[in-house]
Amino acid sequence: MRIVVAAVAIFTALFGVGISIRGLLYYENDIVLYGVVAAGVGIAVFVLMLTFHPKDIEQHQHRES
């Protein structure tokens, strides 16, 4: 489930970058801001979803034994 959320977060970040570029091309300051926020949120969620948690490490150790 976390990998699916991370994939959606990456597409959100890419969408935000695209919106920011569109806003820069057409001099729309509000659109640039929304795009940057979307890209930042997407990157933050991606990093959060792919960070190891102590619970994940415990589950991996139990599988090895």
Protein backbone atom coordinates (compact mmCIF):
# COMPACT_ATOMS: atom_id res chain seq x y z
CA MET A 1 0.00 0.00 0.00
CA ARG A 2 2.83 2.38 0.84
CA ILE A 3 4.45 1.87 -2.56
CA VAL A 4 1.20 2.79 -4.31
CA VAL A 5 0.93 5.99 -2.26
CA ALA A 6 4.57 6.77 -3.05
CA ALA A 7 3.89 6.30 -6.77
CA VAL A 8 0.89 8.64 -6.60
CA ALA A 9 3.06 11.14 -4.72
CA ILE A 10 5.66 11.10 -7.50
CA PHE A 11 3.01 11.76 -10.13
CA THR A 12 1.68 14.59 -7.96
CA ALA A 13 5.17 16.08 -7.79
CA LEU A 14 5.59 15.81 -11.56
CA PHE A 15 2.17 17.41 -12.07
CA GLY A 16 3.21 20.24 -9.75
CA VAL A 17 6.41 20.83 -11.71
CA GLY A 18 4.44 20.91 -14.96
CA ILE A 19 1.93 23.38 -13.53
CA SER A 20 4.77 25.56 -12.23
CA ILE A 21 6.39 25.67 -15.67
CA ARG A 22 3.07 26.57 -17.27
CA GLY A 23 2.61 29.36 -14.75
CA LEU A 24 6.11 30.67 -15.44
CA LEU A 25 5.52 30.67 -19.20
CA TYR A 26 2.26 32.63 -18.96
CA TYR A 27 3.24 34.89 -16.03
CA GLU A 28 0.58 33.51 -13.67
CA ASN A 29 2.03 33.89 -10.19
CA ASP A 30 -0.77 32.04 -8.36
CA ILE A 31 -0.43 29.02 -10.64
CA VAL A 32 3.32 28.90 -10.00
CA LEU A 33 2.71 28.92 -6.25
CA TYR A 34 0.16 26.09 -6.45
CA GLY A 35 2.53 24.05 -8.60
CA VAL A 36 5.43 24.51 -6.20
CA VAL A 37 3.24 23.52 -3.25
CA ALA A 38 1.99 20.42 -5.10
CA ALA A 39 5.55 19.43 -5.99
CA GLY A 40 6.73 19.95 -2.41
CA VAL A 41 3.87 17.92 -0.95
CA GLY A 42 4.45 15.15 -3.47
CA ILE A 43 8.14 14.92 -2.66
CA ALA A 44 7.51 15.02 1.09
CA VAL A 45 4.91 12.24 0.91
CA PHE A 46 7.22 10.16 -1.32
CA VAL A 47 10.07 10.40 1.19
CA LEU A 48 7.72 9.69 4.09
CA MET A 49 6.28 6.58 2.44
CA LEU A 50 9.65 5.05 1.54
CA THR A 51 11.36 5.70 4.87
CA PHE A 52 11.96 2.59 6.98
CA HIS A 53 10.10 2.48 10.26
CA PRO A 54 11.14 0.35 13.25
CA LYS A 55 8.07 -1.83 12.72
CA ASP A 56 9.20 -2.62 9.16
CA ILE A 57 12.65 -3.67 10.35
CA GLU A 58 11.14 -5.98 12.99
CA GLN A 59 8.93 -7.68 10.40
CA HIS A 60 11.94 -8.21 8.13
CA GLN A 61 13.97 -9.77 10.95
CA HIS A 62 11.15 -12.20 11.78
CA ARG A 63 10.98 -13.35 8.14
CA GLU A 64 14.70 -14.17 8.07
CA SER A 65 14.61 -16.46 11.12
